[in-house]
Amino acid sequence: MANMSYCRFENTAHDLDDCVEYIEENLSVREAKMRKALIKTCFEICEQFIDFDKQELDDSEIDCLPVEE
């Protein structure tokens, strides 16, 4: 079931924390393929915030993301 838009990032963040805990586990072939897909997707997200010239994460870009309370 898809995440509801109002809690998409919250639910996904919790799920990613769970994945990090088990990232090096022996997995079924299907799960191992999805682990690769997940890592690629995470890298695509990170590419938006990495300064490749400096080879570092640009935290200021992340800090500028809007947050409404």
N, C-alpha and C. Protein backbone atom coordinates (compact mmCIF):
# COMPACT_ATOMS: atom_id res chain seq x y z
N MET A 1 0.84 -1.19 0.00
CA MET A 1 0.00 0.00 0.00
C MET A 1 0.89 1.25 0.00
N ALA A 2 0.55 2.20 -0.78
CA ALA A 2 1.33 3.44 -0.90
C ALA A 2 1.16 4.30 0.35
N ASN A 3 2.18 5.08 0.64
CA ASN A 3 2.10 6.01 1.76
C ASN A 3 1.15 7.14 1.40
N MET A 4 0.42 7.62 2.38
CA MET A 4 -0.41 8.79 2.19
C MET A 4 0.52 9.99 2.08
N SER A 5 0.17 10.95 1.23
CA SER A 5 1.07 12.06 0.96
C SER A 5 1.44 12.86 2.21
N TYR A 6 0.55 12.93 3.19
CA TYR A 6 0.83 13.73 4.37
C TYR A 6 1.83 13.06 5.31
N CYS A 7 2.13 11.78 5.12
CA CYS A 7 3.10 11.11 5.99
C CYS A 7 4.11 10.28 5.19
N ARG A 8 4.23 10.56 3.91
CA ARG A 8 5.12 9.81 3.02
C ARG A 8 6.55 9.80 3.54
N PHE A 9 7.10 10.97 3.83
CA PHE A 9 8.50 11.05 4.25
C PHE A 9 8.70 10.49 5.65
N GLU A 10 7.74 10.71 6.53
CA GLU A 10 7.85 10.17 7.88
C GLU A 10 7.89 8.64 7.85
N ASN A 11 6.97 8.04 7.13
CA ASN A 11 6.93 6.58 7.04
C ASN A 11 8.18 6.03 6.36
N THR A 12 8.59 6.69 5.29
CA THR A 12 9.76 6.23 4.54
C THR A 12 11.02 6.35 5.38
N ALA A 13 11.15 7.43 6.14
CA ALA A 13 12.33 7.60 7.00
C ALA A 13 12.42 6.45 8.01
N HIS A 14 11.29 6.07 8.60
CA HIS A 14 11.29 4.95 9.54
C HIS A 14 11.66 3.65 8.83
N ASP A 15 11.13 3.45 7.64
CA ASP A 15 11.43 2.24 6.87
C ASP A 15 12.91 2.19 6.47
N LEU A 16 13.46 3.34 6.09
CA LEU A 16 14.88 3.39 5.73
C LEU A 16 15.78 3.09 6.93
N ASP A 17 15.39 3.58 8.10
CA ASP A 17 16.15 3.24 9.31
C ASP A 17 16.18 1.74 9.52
N ASP A 18 15.06 1.08 9.29
CA ASP A 18 14.98 -0.37 9.42
C ASP A 18 15.89 -1.04 8.39
N CYS A 19 15.88 -0.54 7.16
CA CYS A 19 16.73 -1.10 6.11
C CYS A 19 18.21 -0.95 6.46
N VAL A 20 18.60 0.20 7.01
CA VAL A 20 19.99 0.42 7.39
C VAL A 20 20.43 -0.63 8.41
N GLU A 21 19.55 -0.94 9.34
CA GLU A 21 19.88 -1.92 10.38
C GLU A 21 20.19 -3.29 9.78
N TYR A 22 19.56 -3.63 8.66
CA TYR A 22 19.71 -4.96 8.07
C TYR A 22 20.39 -4.95 6.69
N ILE A 23 21.08 -3.87 6.35
CA ILE A 23 21.63 -3.68 5.01
C ILE A 23 22.63 -4.77 4.61
N GLU A 24 23.32 -5.36 5.58
CA GLU A 24 24.34 -6.36 5.25
C GLU A 24 23.85 -7.80 5.46
N GLU A 25 22.57 -7.98 5.69
CA GLU A 25 22.01 -9.32 5.90
C GLU A 25 22.06 -10.14 4.62
N ASN A 26 22.09 -11.45 4.76
CA ASN A 26 21.92 -12.34 3.61
C ASN A 26 20.45 -12.30 3.23
N LEU A 27 20.18 -11.97 1.99
CA LEU A 27 18.80 -11.78 1.54
C LEU A 27 18.45 -12.74 0.42
N SER A 28 17.16 -12.89 0.19
CA SER A 28 16.72 -13.65 -0.97
C SER A 28 17.15 -12.88 -2.22
N VAL A 29 17.12 -13.54 -3.35
CA VAL A 29 17.53 -12.89 -4.61
C VAL A 29 16.67 -11.66 -4.86
N ARG A 30 15.38 -11.77 -4.65
CA ARG A 30 14.47 -10.65 -4.89
C ARG A 30 14.79 -9.47 -3.95
N GLU A 31 14.98 -9.77 -2.67
CA GLU A 31 15.30 -8.71 -1.72
C GLU A 31 16.66 -8.08 -2.01
N ALA A 32 17.63 -8.89 -2.44
CA ALA A 32 18.95 -8.37 -2.78
C ALA A 32 18.85 -7.41 -3.97
N LYS A 33 18.02 -7.74 -4.95
CA LYS A 33 17.81 -6.84 -6.10
C LYS A 33 17.18 -5.53 -5.64
N MET A 34 16.21 -5.63 -4.74
CA MET A 34 15.54 -4.42 -4.26
C MET A 34 16.47 -3.59 -3.37
N ARG A 35 17.38 -4.24 -2.65
CA ARG A 35 18.38 -3.51 -1.88
C ARG A 35 19.22 -2.65 -2.83
N LYS A 36 19.66 -3.24 -3.96
CA LYS A 36 20.43 -2.47 -4.95
C LYS A 36 19.60 -1.30 -5.48
N ALA A 37 18.35 -1.56 -5.79
CA ALA A 37 17.48 -0.50 -6.30
C ALA A 37 17.33 0.62 -5.27
N LEU A 38 17.19 0.25 -4.00
CA LEU A 38 17.05 1.24 -2.94
C LEU A 38 18.31 2.08 -2.81
N ILE A 39 19.47 1.44 -2.85
CA ILE A 39 20.73 2.17 -2.75
C ILE A 39 20.89 3.13 -3.92
N LYS A 40 20.52 2.69 -5.12
CA LYS A 40 20.59 3.59 -6.29
C LYS A 40 19.67 4.78 -6.12
N THR A 41 18.47 4.55 -5.62
CA THR A 41 17.52 5.64 -5.40
C THR A 41 18.05 6.61 -4.35
N CYS A 42 18.61 6.07 -3.27
CA CYS A 42 19.18 6.94 -2.24
C CYS A 42 20.32 7.78 -2.81
N PHE A 43 21.12 7.17 -3.67
CA PHE A 43 22.22 7.91 -4.28
C PHE A 43 21.67 9.04 -5.16
N GLU A 44 20.61 8.77 -5.92
CA GLU A 44 19.99 9.81 -6.75
C GLU A 44 19.52 10.97 -5.89
N ILE A 45 18.95 10.66 -4.74
CA ILE A 45 18.51 11.71 -3.83
C ILE A 45 19.71 12.50 -3.33
N CYS A 46 20.76 11.80 -2.92
CA CYS A 46 21.95 12.46 -2.38
C CYS A 46 22.66 13.31 -3.42
N GLU A 47 22.61 12.90 -4.68
CA GLU A 47 23.28 13.67 -5.74
C GLU A 47 22.81 15.11 -5.78
N GLN A 48 21.57 15.34 -5.36
CA GLN A 48 21.04 16.71 -5.37
C GLN A 48 21.74 17.58 -4.33
N PHE A 49 22.39 16.95 -3.35
CA PHE A 49 22.94 17.69 -2.24
C PHE A 49 24.44 17.49 -2.06
N ILE A 50 25.09 16.83 -3.01
CA ILE A 50 26.53 16.60 -2.91
C ILE A 50 27.26 17.53 -3.87
N ASP A 51 28.25 18.22 -3.36
CA ASP A 51 29.12 19.04 -4.18
C ASP A 51 30.26 18.13 -4.62
N PHE A 52 30.18 17.66 -5.86
CA PHE A 52 31.16 16.68 -6.34
C PHE A 52 32.54 17.28 -6.53
N ASP A 53 32.64 18.60 -6.72
CA ASP A 53 33.95 19.24 -6.82
C ASP A 53 34.68 19.14 -5.48
N LYS A 54 33.93 19.33 -4.40
CA LYS A 54 34.52 19.25 -3.06
C LYS A 54 34.41 17.84 -2.48
N GLN A 55 33.62 17.00 -3.12
CA GLN A 55 33.35 15.64 -2.66
C GLN A 55 32.82 15.64 -1.23
N GLU A 56 31.85 16.49 -1.00
CA GLU A 56 31.23 16.54 0.33
C GLU A 56 29.75 16.88 0.20
N LEU A 57 29.03 16.53 1.23
CA LEU A 57 27.62 16.82 1.30
C LEU A 57 27.43 18.30 1.59
N ASP A 58 26.58 18.95 0.84
CA ASP A 58 26.30 20.37 1.04
C ASP A 58 25.11 20.50 2.00
N ASP A 59 25.41 20.52 3.29
CA ASP A 59 24.36 20.60 4.30
C ASP A 59 23.52 21.86 4.16
N SER A 60 24.11 22.93 3.65
CA SER A 60 23.36 24.18 3.53
C SER A 60 22.19 24.01 2.56
N GLU A 61 22.37 23.18 1.53
CA GLU A 61 21.27 22.90 0.60
C GLU A 61 20.14 22.17 1.30
N ILE A 62 20.49 21.21 2.14
CA ILE A 62 19.48 20.45 2.88
C ILE A 62 18.79 21.36 3.89
N ASP A 63 19.57 22.19 4.57
CA ASP A 63 19.01 23.09 5.58
C ASP A 63 18.03 24.09 4.96
N CYS A 64 18.19 24.38 3.67
CA CYS A 64 17.32 25.35 3.00
C CYS A 64 15.98 24.75 2.55
N LEU A 65 15.84 23.44 2.68
CA LEU A 65 14.57 22.82 2.30
C LEU A 65 13.46 23.38 3.21
N PRO A 66 12.31 23.69 2.62
CA PRO A 66 11.24 24.29 3.43
C PRO A 66 10.66 23.29 4.42
N VAL A 67 10.36 23.80 5.61
CA VAL A 67 9.70 23.01 6.63
C VAL A 67 8.59 23.88 7.20
N GLU A 68 7.38 23.38 7.12
CA GLU A 68 6.25 24.11 7.67
C GLU A 68 5.81 23.44 8.95
N GLU A 69 5.51 24.25 9.93
CA GLU A 69 5.04 23.69 11.21
C GLU A 69 3.63 24.10 11.48
